[in-house]
């Protein structure tokens, strides 16, 4: 159930959005070690963002997972996602923050219940 929510001030069209969704879904599943069938990716483009006093291309992400996260994995995820954002949206890695949440099963709902 890893869920990645990405916000960027760069407008994202359907083609670029689809590419990011595919690449991020594969990367998150592979790096965390969970089936891609459980991975959810959300992209919010064209969001007003100021980073360091500048409105140049920037992004913020939050990744929530039931297990699978930790210092080593988080670093790999941060790097892989920064590469995707650089390639697809020209967002420099120095203009991207990501917050990781490792949550208990009972704090995530699915199919009208919790995991």
N, C-alpha and C. Protein backbone atom coordinates (compact mmCIF):
# COMPACT_ATOMS: atom_id res chain seq x y z
N UNK A 1 0.78 -1.19 0.00
CA UNK A 1 0.00 0.00 0.00
C UNK A 1 0.83 1.27 0.00
N UNK A 2 2.07 1.21 -0.47
CA UNK A 2 2.82 2.45 -0.53
C UNK A 2 2.07 3.48 -1.36
N UNK A 3 1.96 4.70 -0.83
CA UNK A 3 1.26 5.78 -1.51
C UNK A 3 2.18 6.99 -1.58
N UNK A 4 2.41 7.46 -2.79
CA UNK A 4 3.25 8.64 -3.01
C UNK A 4 2.37 9.77 -3.53
N UNK A 5 2.39 10.88 -2.81
CA UNK A 5 1.64 12.07 -3.21
C UNK A 5 2.66 13.14 -3.57
N UNK A 6 2.70 13.53 -4.85
CA UNK A 6 3.65 14.52 -5.35
C UNK A 6 2.94 15.82 -5.67
N UNK A 7 3.53 16.93 -5.24
CA UNK A 7 3.04 18.27 -5.56
C UNK A 7 4.16 19.00 -6.29
N UNK A 8 3.83 19.69 -7.36
CA UNK A 8 4.82 20.48 -8.08
C UNK A 8 4.19 21.76 -8.62
N UNK A 9 5.00 22.79 -8.77
CA UNK A 9 4.50 24.03 -9.36
C UNK A 9 4.61 23.99 -10.89
N UNK A 10 5.12 22.91 -11.43
CA UNK A 10 5.22 22.75 -12.87
C UNK A 10 3.89 22.19 -13.40
N UNK A 11 3.30 22.82 -14.42
CA UNK A 11 2.09 22.25 -15.02
C UNK A 11 2.42 20.87 -15.60
N UNK A 12 1.54 19.91 -15.39
CA UNK A 12 1.79 18.54 -15.83
C UNK A 12 0.68 18.13 -16.80
N UNK A 13 1.07 17.87 -18.07
CA UNK A 13 0.06 17.44 -19.03
C UNK A 13 -0.15 15.93 -18.93
N UNK A 14 -1.12 15.42 -19.65
CA UNK A 14 -1.51 14.01 -19.55
C UNK A 14 -0.39 13.05 -19.92
N UNK A 15 0.38 13.39 -20.94
CA UNK A 15 1.45 12.50 -21.39
C UNK A 15 2.56 12.43 -20.35
N UNK A 16 3.02 13.58 -19.87
CA UNK A 16 4.07 13.62 -18.86
C UNK A 16 3.57 12.97 -17.57
N UNK A 17 2.35 13.26 -17.20
CA UNK A 17 1.76 12.67 -16.00
C UNK A 17 1.78 11.15 -16.08
N UNK A 18 1.38 10.60 -17.20
CA UNK A 18 1.36 9.15 -17.37
C UNK A 18 2.76 8.56 -17.25
N UNK A 19 3.75 9.23 -17.83
CA UNK A 19 5.14 8.77 -17.73
C UNK A 19 5.62 8.77 -16.28
N UNK A 20 5.31 9.84 -15.56
CA UNK A 20 5.73 9.94 -14.16
C UNK A 20 5.05 8.86 -13.33
N UNK A 21 3.75 8.67 -13.55
CA UNK A 21 3.01 7.64 -12.81
C UNK A 21 3.63 6.26 -13.01
N UNK A 22 3.93 5.92 -14.25
CA UNK A 22 4.52 4.61 -14.56
C UNK A 22 5.90 4.45 -13.92
N UNK A 23 6.76 5.46 -14.12
CA UNK A 23 8.13 5.37 -13.61
C UNK A 23 8.17 5.35 -12.08
N UNK A 24 7.39 6.21 -11.46
CA UNK A 24 7.37 6.29 -10.00
C UNK A 24 6.78 5.02 -9.39
N UNK A 25 5.74 4.49 -10.00
CA UNK A 25 5.11 3.27 -9.48
C UNK A 25 6.10 2.10 -9.48
N UNK A 26 6.81 1.95 -10.58
CA UNK A 26 7.81 0.88 -10.68
C UNK A 26 8.92 1.07 -9.65
N UNK A 27 9.43 2.31 -9.55
CA UNK A 27 10.54 2.59 -8.63
C UNK A 27 10.13 2.36 -7.18
N UNK A 28 8.98 2.87 -6.78
CA UNK A 28 8.54 2.72 -5.39
C UNK A 28 8.36 1.24 -5.04
N UNK A 29 7.65 0.50 -5.87
CA UNK A 29 7.44 -0.92 -5.60
C UNK A 29 8.75 -1.69 -5.50
N UNK A 30 9.64 -1.46 -6.46
CA UNK A 30 10.91 -2.18 -6.49
C UNK A 30 11.78 -1.85 -5.29
N UNK A 31 11.93 -0.57 -4.99
CA UNK A 31 12.84 -0.16 -3.91
C UNK A 31 12.31 -0.56 -2.54
N UNK A 32 11.02 -0.44 -2.32
CA UNK A 32 10.44 -0.82 -1.02
C UNK A 32 10.32 -2.34 -0.91
N UNK A 33 10.22 -3.01 -2.05
CA UNK A 33 10.09 -4.46 -2.04
C UNK A 33 8.65 -4.92 -1.87
N UNK A 34 7.73 -4.13 -2.42
CA UNK A 34 6.30 -4.48 -2.35
C UNK A 34 5.78 -4.61 -3.78
N UNK A 35 4.75 -5.44 -3.98
CA UNK A 35 4.20 -5.58 -5.33
C UNK A 35 3.70 -4.24 -5.88
N UNK A 36 4.01 -3.97 -7.13
CA UNK A 36 3.56 -2.73 -7.74
C UNK A 36 2.03 -2.63 -7.74
N UNK A 37 1.36 -3.76 -7.70
CA UNK A 37 -0.11 -3.76 -7.68
C UNK A 37 -0.68 -3.07 -6.44
N UNK A 38 0.14 -2.86 -5.41
CA UNK A 38 -0.30 -2.17 -4.18
C UNK A 38 0.12 -0.70 -4.15
N UNK A 39 0.90 -0.26 -5.12
CA UNK A 39 1.47 1.09 -5.10
C UNK A 39 0.47 2.09 -5.70
N UNK A 40 0.30 3.24 -5.01
CA UNK A 40 -0.54 4.33 -5.52
C UNK A 40 0.33 5.58 -5.64
N UNK A 41 0.21 6.24 -6.79
CA UNK A 41 0.94 7.48 -7.05
C UNK A 41 -0.07 8.56 -7.41
N UNK A 42 0.05 9.73 -6.79
CA UNK A 42 -0.80 10.88 -7.11
C UNK A 42 0.10 12.03 -7.53
N UNK A 43 -0.30 12.76 -8.58
CA UNK A 43 0.47 13.91 -9.04
C UNK A 43 -0.45 15.13 -9.04
N UNK A 44 0.02 16.17 -8.38
CA UNK A 44 -0.70 17.44 -8.33
C UNK A 44 0.19 18.50 -8.98
N UNK A 45 -0.07 18.82 -10.25
CA UNK A 45 0.74 19.78 -10.98
C UNK A 45 0.15 21.17 -10.94
N UNK A 46 0.99 22.16 -11.19
CA UNK A 46 0.54 23.54 -11.24
C UNK A 46 0.15 24.11 -9.89
N UNK A 47 0.69 23.53 -8.81
CA UNK A 47 0.40 23.99 -7.45
C UNK A 47 1.34 25.15 -7.12
N UNK A 48 0.82 26.27 -6.61
CA UNK A 48 1.72 27.36 -6.24
C UNK A 48 2.72 26.91 -5.16
N UNK A 49 4.00 26.98 -5.47
CA UNK A 49 5.06 26.60 -4.53
C UNK A 49 6.18 27.62 -4.59
N UNK A 50 6.60 28.07 -3.43
CA UNK A 50 7.80 28.88 -3.30
C UNK A 50 8.81 28.06 -2.53
N UNK A 51 10.01 27.92 -3.07
CA UNK A 51 11.07 27.16 -2.41
C UNK A 51 12.29 28.07 -2.36
N UNK A 52 12.75 28.38 -1.17
CA UNK A 52 13.90 29.26 -1.02
C UNK A 52 13.64 30.66 -1.55
N UNK A 53 12.39 31.09 -1.49
CA UNK A 53 12.03 32.42 -1.96
C UNK A 53 11.87 32.53 -3.46
N UNK A 54 11.92 31.40 -4.15
CA UNK A 54 11.83 31.39 -5.60
C UNK A 54 10.68 30.50 -6.05
N UNK A 55 10.04 30.87 -7.15
CA UNK A 55 8.97 30.06 -7.73
C UNK A 55 9.47 29.25 -8.92
N UNK A 56 10.78 29.06 -9.03
CA UNK A 56 11.33 28.19 -10.07
C UNK A 56 10.81 26.78 -9.83
N UNK A 57 10.91 25.88 -10.85
CA UNK A 57 10.37 24.53 -10.69
C UNK A 57 10.83 23.87 -9.38
N UNK A 58 9.85 23.34 -8.65
CA UNK A 58 10.10 22.69 -7.37
C UNK A 58 9.04 21.62 -7.15
N UNK A 59 9.29 20.74 -6.17
CA UNK A 59 8.33 19.69 -5.85
C UNK A 59 8.44 19.29 -4.39
N UNK A 60 7.34 18.75 -3.89
CA UNK A 60 7.28 18.20 -2.53
C UNK A 60 6.54 16.88 -2.63
N UNK A 61 7.03 15.89 -1.91
CA UNK A 61 6.38 14.59 -1.92
C UNK A 61 6.23 14.02 -0.53
N UNK A 62 5.20 13.19 -0.37
CA UNK A 62 5.00 12.43 0.87
C UNK A 62 4.77 10.98 0.48
N UNK A 63 5.55 10.10 1.08
CA UNK A 63 5.40 8.68 0.82
C UNK A 63 5.02 7.97 2.11
N UNK A 64 3.89 7.28 2.06
CA UNK A 64 3.38 6.55 3.22
C UNK A 64 3.45 5.06 2.89
N UNK A 65 3.92 4.26 3.83
CA UNK A 65 3.98 2.82 3.62
C UNK A 65 3.84 2.09 4.94
N UNK A 66 3.26 0.91 4.88
CA UNK A 66 3.22 0.03 6.04
C UNK A 66 4.49 -0.82 5.95
N UNK A 67 5.50 -0.40 6.65
CA UNK A 67 6.78 -1.11 6.62
C UNK A 67 7.54 -0.84 5.33
N UNK A 68 8.75 -1.32 5.28
CA UNK A 68 9.58 -1.21 4.09
C UNK A 68 10.43 0.05 4.03
N UNK A 69 10.18 1.01 4.92
CA UNK A 69 10.94 2.25 4.90
C UNK A 69 12.04 2.23 5.96
N UNK A 70 13.05 3.01 5.76
CA UNK A 70 14.17 3.12 6.68
C UNK A 70 15.25 3.94 6.02
N UNK A 71 16.31 4.28 6.74
CA UNK A 71 17.34 5.17 6.20
C UNK A 71 17.88 4.78 4.83
N UNK A 72 18.24 3.53 4.63
CA UNK A 72 18.80 3.09 3.36
C UNK A 72 17.78 3.16 2.23
N UNK A 73 16.59 2.63 2.49
CA UNK A 73 15.52 2.61 1.49
C UNK A 73 15.09 4.05 1.17
N UNK A 74 14.93 4.88 2.19
CA UNK A 74 14.50 6.26 1.98
C UNK A 74 15.47 7.02 1.08
N UNK A 75 16.76 6.81 1.28
CA UNK A 75 17.75 7.45 0.44
C UNK A 75 17.64 7.02 -1.02
N UNK A 76 17.42 5.73 -1.23
CA UNK A 76 17.26 5.22 -2.60
C UNK A 76 15.99 5.77 -3.24
N UNK A 77 14.91 5.83 -2.46
CA UNK A 77 13.66 6.38 -2.98
C UNK A 77 13.81 7.85 -3.34
N UNK A 78 14.43 8.61 -2.45
CA UNK A 78 14.64 10.04 -2.68
C UNK A 78 15.43 10.26 -3.96
N UNK A 79 16.48 9.49 -4.16
CA UNK A 79 17.31 9.61 -5.35
C UNK A 79 16.54 9.24 -6.62
N UNK A 80 15.83 8.11 -6.58
CA UNK A 80 15.09 7.65 -7.76
C UNK A 80 13.99 8.64 -8.14
N UNK A 81 13.27 9.15 -7.15
CA UNK A 81 12.19 10.09 -7.45
C UNK A 81 12.73 11.44 -7.92
N UNK A 82 13.85 11.89 -7.34
CA UNK A 82 14.47 13.12 -7.80
C UNK A 82 14.91 12.98 -9.26
N UNK A 83 15.43 11.81 -9.63
CA UNK A 83 15.84 11.58 -11.03
C UNK A 83 14.64 11.65 -11.97
N UNK A 84 13.52 11.06 -11.55
CA UNK A 84 12.31 11.10 -12.38
C UNK A 84 11.83 12.54 -12.56
N UNK A 85 11.81 13.30 -11.48
CA UNK A 85 11.36 14.70 -11.56
C UNK A 85 12.31 15.55 -12.40
N UNK A 86 13.60 15.28 -12.32
CA UNK A 86 14.59 16.00 -13.13
C UNK A 86 14.37 15.68 -14.61
N UNK A 87 14.21 14.40 -14.92
CA UNK A 87 14.06 13.96 -16.30
C UNK A 87 12.75 14.42 -16.92
N UNK A 88 11.68 14.27 -16.20
CA UNK A 88 10.34 14.53 -16.76
C UNK A 88 9.88 15.98 -16.63
N UNK A 89 10.32 16.68 -15.55
CA UNK A 89 9.82 18.03 -15.30
C UNK A 89 10.90 19.09 -15.14
N UNK A 90 12.16 18.71 -15.32
CA UNK A 90 13.30 19.64 -15.17
C UNK A 90 13.36 20.27 -13.79
N UNK A 91 13.02 19.49 -12.76
CA UNK A 91 13.11 19.95 -11.37
C UNK A 91 14.45 19.47 -10.81
N UNK A 92 15.29 20.40 -10.42
CA UNK A 92 16.59 20.05 -9.85
C UNK A 92 16.39 19.31 -8.52
N UNK A 93 17.25 18.38 -8.22
CA UNK A 93 17.13 17.60 -6.98
C UNK A 93 17.24 18.49 -5.74
N UNK A 94 17.90 19.65 -5.89
CA UNK A 94 18.03 20.57 -4.76
C UNK A 94 16.74 21.37 -4.52
N UNK A 95 15.71 21.13 -5.35
CA UNK A 95 14.44 21.83 -5.22
C UNK A 95 13.31 20.83 -5.01
N UNK A 96 13.63 19.73 -4.32
CA UNK A 96 12.67 18.66 -4.07
C UNK A 96 12.85 18.13 -2.65
N UNK A 97 11.79 18.22 -1.88
CA UNK A 97 11.74 17.60 -0.55
C UNK A 97 10.79 16.42 -0.60
N UNK A 98 11.08 15.40 0.21
CA UNK A 98 10.15 14.28 0.36
C UNK A 98 10.13 13.87 1.82
N UNK A 99 8.94 13.61 2.31
CA UNK A 99 8.76 13.17 3.69
C UNK A 99 8.27 11.73 3.67
N UNK A 100 8.87 10.90 4.52
CA UNK A 100 8.53 9.48 4.58
C UNK A 100 7.74 9.18 5.86
N UNK A 101 6.69 8.40 5.70
CA UNK A 101 5.87 7.97 6.83
C UNK A 101 5.80 6.45 6.83
N UNK A 102 6.29 5.82 7.87
CA UNK A 102 6.14 4.38 8.05
C UNK A 102 5.02 4.21 9.07
N UNK A 103 3.88 3.69 8.65
CA UNK A 103 2.70 3.65 9.52
C UNK A 103 2.33 2.23 9.92
N UNK A 104 1.61 2.14 11.03
CA UNK A 104 1.07 0.86 11.49
C UNK A 104 -0.07 0.43 10.58
N UNK A 105 -0.28 -0.86 10.47
CA UNK A 105 -1.34 -1.41 9.61
C UNK A 105 -2.71 -0.83 9.97
N UNK A 106 -2.96 -0.64 11.25
CA UNK A 106 -4.28 -0.17 11.69
C UNK A 106 -4.54 1.30 11.36
N UNK A 107 -3.52 2.01 10.88
CA UNK A 107 -3.67 3.41 10.53
C UNK A 107 -3.91 3.62 9.03
N UNK A 108 -4.18 2.55 8.30
CA UNK A 108 -4.43 2.66 6.87
C UNK A 108 -5.65 1.84 6.49
N UNK A 109 -6.61 2.48 5.88
CA UNK A 109 -7.85 1.80 5.49
C UNK A 109 -7.80 1.27 4.07
N UNK A 110 -8.52 0.15 3.86
CA UNK A 110 -8.62 -0.49 2.55
C UNK A 110 -9.79 -1.44 2.57
N UNK A 111 -10.59 -1.41 1.52
CA UNK A 111 -11.76 -2.28 1.40
C UNK A 111 -12.72 -2.15 2.58
N UNK A 112 -12.90 -0.93 3.07
CA UNK A 112 -13.84 -0.68 4.14
C UNK A 112 -13.36 -1.13 5.50
N UNK A 113 -12.06 -1.42 5.64
CA UNK A 113 -11.50 -1.87 6.91
C UNK A 113 -10.09 -1.31 7.00
N UNK A 114 -9.27 -1.90 7.84
CA UNK A 114 -7.86 -1.55 7.90
C UNK A 114 -7.04 -2.76 7.46
N UNK A 115 -5.78 -2.53 7.16
CA UNK A 115 -4.93 -3.64 6.71
C UNK A 115 -4.67 -4.63 7.80
